Protein backbone atom coordinates (compact mmCIF):
# COMPACT_ATOMS: atom_id res chain seq x y z
CA MET A 1 90.35 138.73 139.92
CA GLN A 2 88.17 138.82 142.95
CA VAL A 3 85.98 140.00 141.54
CA PHE A 4 85.45 136.81 138.47
CA LYS A 5 84.92 135.11 141.95
CA ASP A 6 81.67 136.40 143.46
CA TRP A 7 79.42 136.65 139.75
CA PRO A 8 77.48 133.98 138.48
CA ARG A 9 78.97 131.03 136.74
CA TRP A 10 76.68 132.08 133.39
CA ARG A 11 78.34 135.63 134.27
CA ARG A 12 81.83 134.19 134.34
CA ALA A 13 82.15 132.58 130.55
CA ALA A 14 80.35 135.68 129.53
CA ALA A 15 83.59 137.91 130.38
CA VAL A 16 85.47 135.29 129.33
CA LEU A 17 84.07 135.80 125.89
CA ALA A 18 83.64 139.03 126.31
CA CYS A 19 88.07 139.31 126.84
CA ALA A 20 88.17 136.43 124.23
CA LEU A 21 86.70 139.36 122.46
CA GLY A 22 88.49 141.88 123.21
CA VAL A 23 85.57 143.80 125.01
CA THR A 24 85.39 144.67 128.94
CA LEU A 25 82.06 143.91 131.21
CA GLU A 26 83.82 145.77 134.50
CA ALA A 27 82.43 148.70 133.53
CA ALA A 28 78.42 147.88 133.21
CA PRO A 29 78.07 147.00 136.70
CA LEU A 30 79.21 150.56 137.06
CA ALA A 31 77.22 152.14 134.60
CA ARG A 32 73.08 150.59 136.24
CA ALA A 33 74.76 151.42 139.93
CA ALA A 34 75.13 154.90 139.36
CA PRO A 35 71.67 157.43 139.73
CA PRO A 36 70.74 158.77 136.09
CA ALA A 37 72.12 162.60 135.95
CA LEU A 38 70.43 165.18 136.20
CA ALA A 39 69.66 167.82 133.96
CA LEU A 40 67.42 170.19 132.54
CA ASP A 41 66.78 171.92 129.13
CA VAL A 42 64.28 174.97 129.47
CA ASP A 43 62.70 176.59 125.97
CA GLY A 44 59.99 179.23 125.05
CA GLU A 45 59.44 182.59 126.59
CA VAL A 46 63.13 182.96 128.38
CA ARG A 47 64.91 185.39 128.66
CA MET A 48 68.25 183.57 129.71
CA THR A 49 69.71 181.30 127.48
CA ASN A 50 73.05 179.59 127.10
CA ASN A 51 73.13 176.79 123.88
CA ALA A 52 74.75 178.39 121.11
CA ALA A 53 71.06 179.01 118.56
CA HIS A 54 69.98 181.59 122.37
CA THR A 55 66.30 179.30 122.06
CA SER A 56 66.71 177.44 125.57
CA PHE A 57 69.20 176.62 128.48
CA HIS A 58 70.54 174.10 129.62
CA PHE A 59 71.13 172.67 132.97
CA GLY A 60 73.28 171.07 134.27
CA GLU A 61 73.61 168.41 137.43
CA ALA A 62 75.96 171.00 138.71
CA GLN A 63 73.52 173.78 137.99
CA LEU A 64 70.50 171.73 139.28
CA LEU A 65 72.64 171.57 142.68
CA LYS A 66 73.36 174.74 144.00
CA LEU A 67 70.09 175.72 143.25
CA PRO A 68 68.98 176.13 146.58
CA SER A 69 67.02 172.77 147.63
CA HIS A 70 63.64 172.38 149.38
CA SER A 71 62.14 169.09 150.73
CA ILE A 72 58.28 168.43 150.38
CA SER A 73 56.09 165.89 152.94
CA THR A 74 53.58 164.75 151.41
CA SER A 75 51.44 161.19 149.12
CA THR A 76 50.81 161.11 145.50
CA THR A 77 48.95 158.51 144.32
CA TRP A 78 51.97 156.98 143.53
CA THR A 79 53.66 157.19 146.71
CA PRO A 80 52.80 156.53 150.63
CA LYS A 81 54.19 159.72 151.73
CA SER A 82 56.82 161.13 151.61
CA THR A 83 59.48 163.86 151.63
CA PHE A 84 60.58 165.40 147.95
CA THR A 85 63.60 167.21 147.73
CA GLY A 86 64.59 169.38 145.38
CA PRO A 87 64.92 173.24 144.00
CA LEU A 88 62.06 175.37 144.28
CA LEU A 89 59.95 175.86 140.88
CA SER A 90 59.66 179.07 141.41
CA ASP A 91 63.65 179.28 141.72
CA VAL A 92 63.93 177.92 138.05
CA LEU A 93 61.83 179.99 136.26
CA LYS A 94 63.66 182.77 137.76
CA ALA A 95 66.78 181.77 136.76
CA VAL A 96 65.71 181.34 133.16
CA GLY A 97 64.01 185.44 133.10
CA ALA A 98 60.98 182.88 132.47
CA TYR A 99 57.58 185.56 131.30
CA GLY A 100 55.02 183.13 130.48
CA SER A 101 52.20 182.04 132.21
CA GLN A 102 51.63 178.04 131.11
CA ILE A 103 55.12 175.65 131.50
CA GLU A 104 54.85 173.01 129.24
CA ILE A 105 56.73 169.35 130.43
CA HIS A 106 58.61 166.20 128.45
CA THR A 107 58.79 163.18 129.73
CA ILE A 108 61.09 161.36 128.31
CA ASP A 109 57.73 158.46 128.33
CA ASP A 110 57.04 161.36 125.94
CA TYR A 111 54.30 162.02 128.44
CA THR A 112 53.46 165.88 128.55
CA CYS A 113 51.71 168.32 130.35
CA VAL A 114 50.59 171.77 130.93
CA VAL A 115 50.58 173.41 134.34
CA PRO A 116 49.84 177.19 135.38
CA VAL A 117 53.03 179.19 135.56
CA ALA A 118 51.30 180.73 139.37
CA ASP A 119 51.40 176.32 140.66
CA ALA A 120 54.86 177.63 140.70
CA ALA A 121 54.15 180.22 143.73
CA ARG A 122 50.82 179.06 145.27
CA TYR A 123 52.69 175.10 146.28
CA GLY A 124 55.85 176.07 146.68
CA VAL A 125 56.36 173.24 143.61
CA VAL A 126 59.62 171.39 144.22
CA LEU A 127 61.53 169.93 141.23
CA ALA A 128 62.64 167.03 142.82
CA TYR A 129 65.87 164.65 143.14
CA GLU A 130 64.65 163.08 145.48
CA MET A 131 62.64 160.69 147.76
CA ASN A 132 63.50 160.38 151.25
CA GLY A 133 67.09 161.45 151.09
CA ARG A 134 67.62 158.70 148.78
CA ARG A 135 68.61 159.83 144.53
CA LEU A 136 65.55 159.58 142.15
CA LYS A 137 66.47 157.29 139.21
CA VAL A 138 64.46 156.67 136.23
CA SER A 139 62.29 153.39 137.39
CA ASP A 140 61.22 155.24 140.61
CA PHE A 141 60.12 158.52 138.59
CA GLY A 142 63.90 160.36 138.50
CA PRO A 143 66.01 161.35 137.87
CA LEU A 144 63.42 164.58 137.94
CA PHE A 145 59.65 164.32 139.69
CA LEU A 146 57.15 167.74 139.97
CA ILE A 147 55.90 167.41 143.73
CA TYR A 148 53.52 169.80 145.22
CA PRO A 149 51.90 169.51 148.79
CA ARG A 150 48.85 167.56 147.85
CA ASP A 151 48.63 166.74 151.71
CA GLN A 152 48.57 170.92 152.42
CA TYR A 153 46.00 170.99 149.35
CA PRO A 154 44.17 168.27 149.28
CA LEU A 155 40.73 169.98 148.11
CA ASP A 156 42.86 172.06 145.52
CA LEU A 157 45.92 168.81 144.21
CA ASP A 158 42.93 165.27 145.63
CA GLY A 159 41.79 163.44 141.90
CA ALA A 160 42.26 163.59 138.40
CA ALA A 161 43.04 167.69 137.86
CA GLY A 162 45.23 167.10 140.02
CA ASP A 163 47.71 163.87 140.06
CA ALA A 164 47.55 164.82 135.87
CA LYS A 165 49.97 167.85 137.43
CA PHE A 166 52.02 166.11 138.74
CA ALA A 167 55.22 164.61 136.21
CA TRP A 168 57.93 162.59 136.88
CA GLN A 169 60.16 161.73 134.47
CA ILE A 170 61.32 164.90 133.08
CA LYS A 171 63.26 166.05 130.83
CA SER A 172 62.83 169.49 129.85
CA MET A 173 60.48 172.14 129.91
CA THR A 174 58.61 174.88 127.39
CA ILE A 175 57.60 178.75 128.57
CA LYS A 176 54.36 179.41 126.98
CA ARG A 177 52.64 182.64 127.77
């Protein structure tokens, strides 16, 4: 097979061993190369639910990509000036009928932060899934990164208090009163 010819010697040996054991390695490089699936669970003070218990709304990738996308060009403490693209946080909140005043954001690495619902409209916050036209990976802030237009509001969003609002690797949000 041509694939094996281009692989390093150790990988070819592993492939031969895997074949002998009835295991395939060809799918592994594809799985690593694919961007993470976009998904977001929103619970708490929401009117729209789609889970069996009627307690949360699960956005799959298709639902998130169906929301209108918007871009913010800004720098962050962790990135140079970049263009971040995704749905407006306000559109996500509207889709679930959120009626609380606070958003508790939960990330893959167990970070939690709380931001006011009012920030969504005040700053035009984006729930970004792309940076500079490339899908975000878990290794670079993905799959979802909460982006504020920091460069447009430096007095409000610079420093530790502003930085605390930028959450990445977002997996869920809880809307609270």
